[in-house]
């Protein structure tokens, strides 16, 4: 009974049409003005940025609060997810407005900000980068949702297992609804009639700052992992095996039996868990850099450097995409080299060297491309980017 009441209350909270109510307060029926949507974007376009931010915050809270309350009450493990879903559906299909609501981006963001903070951060960064580069809120909302869901699927070892199935289903359903609610926007975008936010010096600066930070972090993390962390870990752990037994640290377990091969195995086991985080950082930075670079070509179409920058970053991102399954295969072979079955171990040893070399050279290629992109960051657009569109 309490669970049913919690879900009904979550739906009713999600159904509160803050955009419509704020519009009424200002003497406007938001449904018959602008794009006709009751969300923060249309409110901000019609009633000003501050009013739009207010509606954005309220829509965010009506997604976050039901999830937080259900977590505190703790009636069931799945209840916060279900409460978030019905709050999201309440915004999209509000009972108060004959089930004709908004597109659910802000409310859905409030839900996932509580349930999935790290994927939400990834989605937010992609949203900001897309807005800064294209000025299309609709496109940014779709890309942000894709980034959030993709990050969650990558971070979750078995997203469709029983323990994760409900949360995975929520992410996929919410993403599908967000895309479905933006179909008309995509049609207008294809026809060249989609609304854009106005140009501003702050937005132009934000685009350049995000690009430099993304490329800089990508370059720095790649250099540190490849040429500092991995090398030092192998050198240190293998070095214990090459050191005379009486000179080895007293804290070293089994120091009398510790060999160089032991150090190699330990180093591999230490470095291998870093790869998911390493590729996630590369993927996030690459996507941000690639998206922001699109705006530079729009800003200064006469400069070839911006077009080449996009191509360089695109190839670099593709090397990361190819490198992820390749490194997964290498990690699998690394473990199989020490299989109790001699034949399996021998085959794995023969294949490991070849595939490890492929992965290593692909990583070097990524670093080379990112280094070029880092140098190109010295030739970013200055001032306003493009013309001011008519909303």
Protein backbone atom coordinates (compact mmCIF):
# COMPACT_ATOMS: atom_id res chain seq x y z
CA UNK A 1 0.00 0.00 0.00
CA UNK A 2 2.77 2.44 0.94
CA UNK A 3 4.66 1.61 -2.24
CA UNK A 4 1.57 2.31 -4.36
CA UNK A 5 1.06 5.65 -2.59
CA UNK A 6 4.72 6.55 -3.13
CA UNK A 7 4.43 5.86 -6.86
CA UNK A 8 1.19 7.84 -7.19
CA UNK A 9 2.72 10.76 -5.30
CA UNK A 10 5.82 10.63 -7.52
CA UNK A 11 3.67 10.76 -10.65
CA UNK A 12 1.63 13.70 -9.32
CA UNK A 13 4.80 15.62 -8.39
CA UNK A 14 6.23 14.95 -11.84
CA UNK A 15 2.96 16.13 -13.38
CA UNK A 16 3.18 19.63 -11.90
CA UNK A 17 3.50 21.82 -15.04
CA UNK A 18 5.83 24.50 -13.71
CA UNK A 19 6.43 25.98 -17.15
CA UNK A 20 2.70 26.30 -17.76
CA UNK A 21 2.10 27.81 -14.28
CA UNK A 22 4.93 30.34 -14.62
CA UNK A 23 3.60 31.30 -18.05
CA UNK A 24 0.13 31.81 -16.60
CA UNK A 25 1.64 33.99 -13.87
CA UNK A 26 3.03 36.21 -16.64
CA UNK A 27 -0.25 36.20 -18.56
CA UNK A 28 0.86 33.77 -21.29
CA UNK A 29 -0.42 30.34 -22.26
CA UNK A 30 2.95 28.76 -22.96
CA UNK A 31 1.29 25.98 -24.99
CA UNK A 32 0.19 28.40 -27.71
CA UNK A 33 3.37 30.51 -27.88
CA UNK A 34 6.82 29.84 -29.26
CA UNK A 35 7.37 26.14 -29.83
CA UNK A 36 4.29 25.30 -27.72
CA UNK A 37 6.34 23.23 -25.29
CA UNK A 38 5.94 23.74 -21.53
CA UNK A 39 9.63 23.13 -20.83
CA UNK A 40 12.35 25.52 -19.69
CA UNK A 41 13.72 26.17 -23.20
CA UNK A 42 10.47 27.62 -24.53
CA UNK A 43 9.86 29.52 -21.28
CA UNK A 44 13.32 31.05 -21.42
CA UNK A 45 12.87 32.03 -25.05
CA UNK A 46 9.55 33.77 -24.34
CA UNK A 47 9.96 35.14 -20.80
CA UNK A 48 13.70 35.60 -20.45
CA UNK A 49 16.72 33.61 -19.35
CA UNK A 50 16.13 33.97 -15.61
CA UNK A 51 12.58 32.67 -15.85
CA UNK A 52 13.78 29.79 -17.99
CA UNK A 53 16.44 28.90 -15.41
CA UNK A 54 13.78 28.98 -12.67
CA UNK A 55 11.58 26.51 -14.58
CA UNK A 56 14.63 24.37 -15.35
CA UNK A 57 15.46 24.14 -11.62
CA UNK A 58 11.86 23.33 -10.67
CA UNK A 59 11.58 20.63 -13.34
CA UNK A 60 14.90 19.19 -12.17
CA UNK A 61 13.71 19.06 -8.56
CA UNK A 62 10.44 17.30 -9.37
CA UNK A 63 12.54 14.47 -10.79
CA UNK A 64 15.18 14.41 -8.04
CA UNK A 65 12.98 14.83 -4.95
CA UNK A 66 10.78 11.71 -5.40
CA UNK A 67 13.89 9.58 -5.89
CA UNK A 68 15.57 11.02 -2.79
CA UNK A 69 12.46 10.58 -0.65
CA UNK A 70 12.01 6.96 -1.74
CA UNK A 71 15.66 6.27 -0.97
CA UNK A 72 15.24 7.68 2.53
CA UNK A 73 12.02 5.74 3.14
CA UNK A 74 13.71 2.58 1.78
CA UNK A 75 10.58 0.47 1.28
CA UNK A 76 12.16 -1.51 -1.57
CA UNK A 77 15.45 -1.46 -3.47
CA UNK A 78 13.71 -0.87 -6.79
CA UNK A 79 11.36 1.87 -5.52
CA UNK A 80 13.66 4.90 -6.18
CA UNK A 81 14.06 3.79 -9.81
CA UNK A 82 10.32 3.24 -10.24
CA UNK A 83 9.57 6.58 -8.56
CA UNK A 84 11.97 8.33 -10.91
CA UNK A 85 10.39 6.68 -13.93
CA UNK A 86 6.82 7.64 -12.98
CA UNK A 87 7.93 11.20 -12.11
CA UNK A 88 9.51 11.40 -15.57
CA UNK A 89 6.33 10.04 -17.16
CA UNK A 90 4.34 12.55 -15.12
CA UNK A 91 6.23 15.41 -16.76
CA UNK A 92 5.85 13.95 -20.25
CA UNK A 93 2.19 12.96 -19.75
CA UNK A 94 0.77 15.25 -17.01
CA UNK A 95 -2.74 14.52 -15.84
CA UNK A 96 -3.35 18.24 -15.28
CA UNK A 97 -2.82 19.12 -18.96
CA UNK A 98 -4.68 16.23 -20.58
CA UNK A 99 -1.43 14.21 -20.78
CA UNK A 100 0.28 16.72 -23.07
CA UNK A 101 3.49 17.70 -21.31
CA UNK A 102 7.12 18.54 -21.91
CA UNK A 103 9.99 16.54 -23.33
CA UNK A 104 11.30 15.32 -19.99
CA UNK A 105 14.94 16.37 -20.27
CA UNK A 106 15.21 18.43 -17.06
CA UNK A 107 13.03 16.06 -15.02
CA UNK A 108 14.88 13.02 -16.32
CA UNK A 109 18.16 14.75 -15.53
CA UNK A 110 16.99 15.23 -11.95
CA UNK A 111 16.17 11.53 -11.68
CA UNK A 112 19.47 10.25 -13.05
CA UNK A 113 21.49 12.85 -11.14
CA UNK A 114 20.46 11.00 -7.97
CA UNK A 115 20.55 7.46 -9.38
CA UNK A 116 23.64 7.73 -11.63
CA UNK A 117 25.80 10.74 -10.73
CA UNK A 118 28.88 9.88 -12.86
CA UNK A 119 26.99 9.03 -16.08
CA UNK A 120 24.90 12.15 -15.47
CA UNK A 121 28.07 14.24 -15.33
CA UNK A 122 29.18 12.75 -18.66
CA UNK A 123 25.79 13.53 -20.19
CA UNK A 124 25.89 17.08 -18.83
CA UNK A 125 29.33 17.74 -20.31
CA UNK A 126 28.21 16.48 -23.71
CA UNK A 127 25.04 18.58 -23.46
CA UNK A 128 27.05 21.72 -22.68
CA UNK A 129 29.56 21.01 -25.45
CA UNK A 130 26.81 20.42 -28.02
CA UNK A 131 24.98 23.61 -27.04
CA UNK A 132 28.22 25.59 -27.20
CA UNK A 133 29.08 24.17 -30.62
CA UNK A 134 25.69 24.09 -32.36
CA UNK A 135 23.34 26.29 -30.26
CA UNK A 136 20.66 23.60 -30.66
CA UNK A 137 19.08 22.65 -27.31
CA UNK A 138 17.16 19.79 -28.91
CA UNK A 139 20.27 18.21 -30.43
CA UNK A 140 22.17 18.68 -27.18
CA UNK A 141 19.40 16.93 -25.24
CA UNK A 142 19.55 13.88 -27.50
CA UNK A 143 23.37 13.72 -27.49
CA UNK A 144 23.42 14.21 -23.72
CA UNK A 145 20.96 11.34 -23.25
CA UNK A 146 23.00 9.10 -25.53
CA UNK A 147 26.20 9.95 -23.64
CA UNK A 148 24.57 9.30 -20.27
CA UNK A 149 23.12 5.95 -21.29
CA UNK A 150 26.31 4.91 -23.07
CA UNK A 151 28.45 5.80 -20.06
CA UNK A 152 26.17 3.80 -17.77
CA UNK A 153 26.32 0.74 -20.05
CA UNK A 154 30.12 0.94 -20.24
CA UNK A 155 30.54 1.43 -16.47
CA UNK A 156 28.19 -1.43 -15.56
CA UNK A 157 29.87 -4.85 -15.98
CA UNK A 158 26.61 -6.72 -16.66
CA UNK A 159 23.92 -4.09 -17.36
CA UNK A 160 21.29 -6.69 -18.28
CA UNK A 161 21.91 -8.95 -15.27
CA UNK A 162 19.16 -9.28 -12.67
CA UNK A 163 20.73 -6.77 -10.26
CA UNK A 164 21.03 -4.06 -12.94
CA UNK A 165 18.12 -4.85 -15.23
CA UNK A 166 15.65 -2.34 -13.74
CA UNK A 167 18.07 0.59 -13.88
CA UNK A 168 19.14 -0.36 -17.41
CA UNK A 169 15.52 -0.53 -18.47
CA UNK A 170 14.87 2.91 -16.98
CA UNK A 171 17.80 4.43 -18.88
CA UNK A 172 16.73 2.90 -22.19
CA UNK A 173 13.05 3.81 -21.75
CA UNK A 174 13.88 7.39 -20.73
CA UNK A 175 16.30 7.77 -23.65
CA UNK A 176 13.69 6.42 -26.06
CA UNK A 177 11.07 8.86 -24.78
CA UNK A 178 13.47 11.81 -24.98
CA UNK A 179 14.32 10.96 -28.60
CA UNK A 180 10.65 10.37 -29.46
CA UNK A 181 9.64 13.72 -27.97
CA UNK A 182 12.29 15.46 -30.10
CA UNK A 183 11.31 13.93 -33.45
CA UNK A 184 9.61 17.15 -34.56
CA UNK A 185 12.75 19.07 -33.59
CA UNK A 186 14.87 16.72 -35.69
CA UNK A 187 12.53 17.26 -38.64
CA UNK A 188 12.84 21.04 -38.26
CA UNK A 189 16.60 20.66 -37.91
CA UNK A 190 16.72 18.71 -41.18
CA UNK A 191 14.62 21.42 -42.84
CA UNK A 192 16.80 24.20 -41.41
CA UNK A 193 13.97 25.65 -39.31
CA UNK A 194 14.98 24.55 -35.81
CA UNK A 195 15.33 27.25 -33.14
CA UNK A 196 18.79 28.08 -31.84
CA UNK A 197 19.80 29.99 -28.75
CA UNK A 198 21.36 33.38 -29.35
CA UNK A 199 25.09 33.89 -29.76
CA UNK A 200 26.90 35.37 -26.80
CA UNK A 201 30.54 36.05 -25.86
CA UNK A 202 30.15 33.75 -22.84
CA UNK A 203 28.95 30.84 -25.00
CA UNK A 204 31.78 31.36 -27.48
CA UNK A 205 34.33 31.42 -24.67
CA UNK A 206 32.79 28.31 -23.11
CA UNK A 207 33.16 26.40 -26.37
CA UNK A 208 36.87 27.22 -26.60
CA UNK A 209 37.51 26.49 -22.92
CA UNK A 210 35.80 23.09 -23.13
CA UNK A 211 37.78 22.20 -26.23
CA UNK A 212 41.14 23.10 -24.69
CA UNK A 213 40.33 21.28 -21.43
CA UNK A 214 39.16 18.15 -23.28
CA UNK A 215 42.17 17.94 -25.58
CA UNK A 216 44.55 18.84 -22.73
CA UNK A 217 43.16 16.16 -20.41
CA UNK A 218 43.18 13.61 -23.21
CA UNK A 219 46.80 14.39 -24.05
CA UNK A 220 47.96 14.51 -20.43
CA UNK A 221 46.23 11.32 -19.30
CA UNK A 222 47.50 9.39 -22.35
CA UNK A 223 51.08 10.51 -21.80
CA UNK A 224 50.97 9.81 -18.06
CA UNK A 225 49.41 6.36 -18.36
CA UNK A 226 51.54 5.17 -21.28
CA UNK A 227 54.95 6.63 -20.49
CA UNK A 228 54.87 7.10 -16.71
CA UNK A 229 52.39 4.95 -14.75
CA UNK A 230 52.56 1.69 -16.74
CA UNK A 231 56.33 1.80 -17.20
CA UNK A 232 57.04 2.58 -13.53
CA UNK A 233 54.68 -0.16 -12.30
CA UNK A 234 56.37 -2.80 -14.44
CA UNK A 235 59.86 -1.52 -13.67
CA UNK A 236 59.23 -1.45 -9.91
CA UNK A 237 57.54 -4.85 -9.56
CA UNK A 238 59.91 -6.61 -11.94
CA UNK A 239 62.84 -4.90 -10.23
CA UNK A 240 62.08 -6.66 -6.94
CA UNK A 241 62.67 -9.98 -8.69
CA UNK A 242 66.04 -8.84 -10.07
CA UNK A 243 67.19 -7.53 -6.69
CA UNK A 244 69.24 -9.90 -4.48
CA UNK A 245 67.01 -11.60 -1.91
CA UNK A 246 68.72 -10.00 1.08
CA UNK A 247 68.23 -6.50 -0.42
CA UNK A 248 64.50 -6.86 -1.04
CA UNK A 249 62.07 -4.86 1.16
CA UNK A 250 61.01 -6.65 4.34
CA UNK A 251 57.34 -5.92 3.60
CA UNK A 252 57.52 -7.83 0.27
CA UNK A 253 55.51 -11.08 0.61
CA UNK A 254 57.39 -14.30 -0.20
CA UNK A 255 60.54 -12.31 -0.93
CA UNK A 256 62.68 -15.49 -0.96
CA UNK A 257 60.61 -16.92 -3.84
CA UNK A 258 59.89 -13.66 -5.69
CA UNK A 259 61.15 -13.76 -9.31
CA UNK A 260 61.05 -11.30 -12.19
CA UNK A 261 58.21 -13.31 -13.76
CA UNK A 262 56.24 -12.84 -10.54
CA UNK A 263 56.72 -9.08 -10.86
CA UNK A 264 55.56 -9.17 -14.48
CA UNK A 265 52.38 -10.99 -13.49
CA UNK A 266 51.68 -8.59 -10.63
CA UNK A 267 52.33 -5.56 -12.85
CA UNK A 268 49.95 -6.87 -15.50
CA UNK A 269 47.30 -7.53 -12.86
CA UNK A 270 47.81 -3.98 -11.53
CA UNK A 271 47.69 -2.17 -14.87
CA UNK A 272 44.83 -4.16 -16.42
CA UNK A 273 42.05 -2.74 -14.16
CA UNK A 274 43.13 0.77 -15.18
CA UNK A 275 42.14 0.27 -18.82
CA UNK A 276 38.36 0.81 -18.42
CA UNK A 277 38.97 4.16 -16.70
CA UNK A 278 41.69 5.04 -19.23
CA UNK A 279 39.44 4.40 -22.21
CA UNK A 280 36.49 6.12 -20.55
CA UNK A 281 38.58 9.27 -20.06
CA UNK A 282 39.76 9.10 -23.66
CA UNK A 283 36.25 8.55 -24.98
CA UNK A 284 34.75 11.40 -22.96
CA UNK A 285 37.53 13.83 -23.85
CA UNK A 286 37.45 12.78 -27.49
CA UNK A 287 33.70 13.26 -27.76
CA UNK A 288 33.85 16.70 -26.11
CA UNK A 289 36.73 17.80 -28.33
CA UNK A 290 35.02 16.49 -31.47
CA UNK A 291 31.67 18.15 -30.71
CA UNK A 292 33.19 21.52 -29.85
CA UNK A 293 35.34 21.43 -33.00
CA UNK A 294 32.15 21.42 -35.10
CA UNK A 295 31.37 24.93 -33.91
CA UNK A 296 34.78 26.20 -35.00
CA UNK A 297 34.16 25.26 -38.64
CA UNK A 298 30.81 27.05 -38.47
CA UNK A 299 32.47 30.11 -36.96
CA UNK A 300 35.27 30.43 -39.51
CA UNK A 301 34.40 28.32 -42.57
CA UNK A 302 37.21 29.92 -44.59
CA UNK A 303 39.96 28.49 -42.33
CA UNK A 304 41.03 24.98 -43.32
CA UNK A 305 42.64 24.34 -39.94
CA UNK A 306 39.22 23.83 -38.36
CA UNK A 307 38.22 21.21 -40.92
CA UNK A 308 41.53 19.37 -40.47
CA UNK A 309 41.14 19.60 -36.70
CA UNK A 310 37.80 17.80 -36.97
CA UNK A 311 39.28 15.05 -39.17
CA UNK A 312 42.22 14.52 -36.80
CA UNK A 313 39.93 14.27 -33.78
CA UNK A 314 37.52 11.97 -35.62
CA UNK A 315 40.31 9.52 -36.47
CA UNK A 316 41.62 9.74 -32.89
CA UNK A 317 38.18 8.89 -31.50
CA UNK A 318 37.93 5.95 -33.93
CA UNK A 319 41.28 4.60 -32.66
CA UNK A 320 39.89 4.71 -29.12
CA UNK A 321 36.73 2.86 -30.21
CA UNK A 322 38.85 0.20 -31.94
CA UNK A 323 41.32 0.06 -29.06
CA UNK A 324 38.76 -0.82 -26.39
CA UNK A 325 37.79 -4.33 -27.65
CA UNK A 326 41.40 -4.89 -28.71
CA UNK A 327 42.65 -4.28 -25.18
CA UNK A 328 39.87 -6.47 -23.79
CA UNK A 329 41.19 -9.28 -25.98
CA UNK A 330 44.77 -8.63 -24.83
CA UNK A 331 43.70 -8.74 -21.17
CA UNK A 332 41.98 -12.07 -21.77
CA UNK A 333 45.13 -13.49 -23.39
CA UNK A 334 47.25 -12.19 -20.51
CA UNK A 335 45.32 -14.37 -18.07
CA UNK A 336 45.25 -17.37 -20.40
CA UNK A 337 49.07 -17.37 -20.57
CA UNK A 338 49.07 -18.81 -17.06
CA UNK A 339 46.28 -21.33 -17.64
CA UNK A 340 46.83 -24.71 -15.91
CA UNK A 341 46.30 -26.39 -19.28
CA UNK A 342 49.73 -26.25 -21.03
CA UNK A 343 48.31 -26.19 -24.57
CA UNK A 344 45.96 -23.28 -23.78
CA UNK A 345 48.77 -21.37 -22.09
CA UNK A 346 51.13 -21.93 -25.03
CA UNK A 347 48.61 -20.71 -27.62
CA UNK A 348 47.85 -17.64 -25.49
CA UNK A 349 51.56 -16.82 -25.14
CA UNK A 350 52.03 -17.00 -28.89
CA UNK A 351 49.05 -14.72 -29.56
CA UNK A 352 49.64 -12.32 -26.68
CA UNK A 353 52.82 -10.79 -28.08
CA UNK A 354 51.25 -10.10 -31.47
CA UNK A 355 47.99 -8.61 -30.18
CA UNK A 356 49.75 -6.65 -27.45
CA UNK A 357 51.96 -5.08 -30.13
CA UNK A 358 48.89 -4.12 -32.17
CA UNK A 359 47.28 -2.50 -29.12
CA UNK A 360 50.50 -0.69 -28.22
CA UNK A 361 50.98 0.81 -31.68
CA UNK A 362 47.31 1.80 -31.87
CA UNK A 363 47.73 3.62 -28.55
CA UNK A 364 50.82 5.36 -29.91
CA UNK A 365 48.77 6.39 -32.94
CA UNK A 366 46.09 7.87 -30.68
CA UNK A 367 48.71 9.81 -28.74
CA UNK A 368 50.22 11.12 -31.97
CA UNK A 369 46.85 12.34 -33.24
CA UNK A 370 45.99 13.96 -29.92
CA UNK A 371 49.39 15.68 -29.93
CA UNK A 372 48.54 17.16 -33.34
CA UNK A 373 45.13 18.28 -32.02
CA UNK A 374 46.86 19.80 -29.01
CA UNK A 375 49.05 21.87 -31.32
CA UNK A 376 46.02 22.92 -33.36
CA UNK A 377 44.45 24.32 -30.19
CA UNK A 378 46.67 27.35 -30.75
CA UNK A 379 44.50 28.22 -33.78
CA UNK A 380 41.05 28.50 -32.21
CA UNK A 381 38.46 31.01 -33.48
CA UNK A 382 38.41 34.39 -31.82
CA UNK A 383 35.38 36.52 -31.01
CA UNK A 384 31.83 35.67 -32.02
CA UNK A 385 31.09 32.40 -33.76
CA UNK A 386 28.82 32.75 -36.71
CA UNK A 387 25.75 34.84 -37.18
CA UNK A 388 23.01 35.33 -34.65
CA UNK A 389 20.09 33.11 -35.65
CA UNK A 390 16.50 34.10 -35.44
CA UNK A 391 14.61 31.98 -32.90
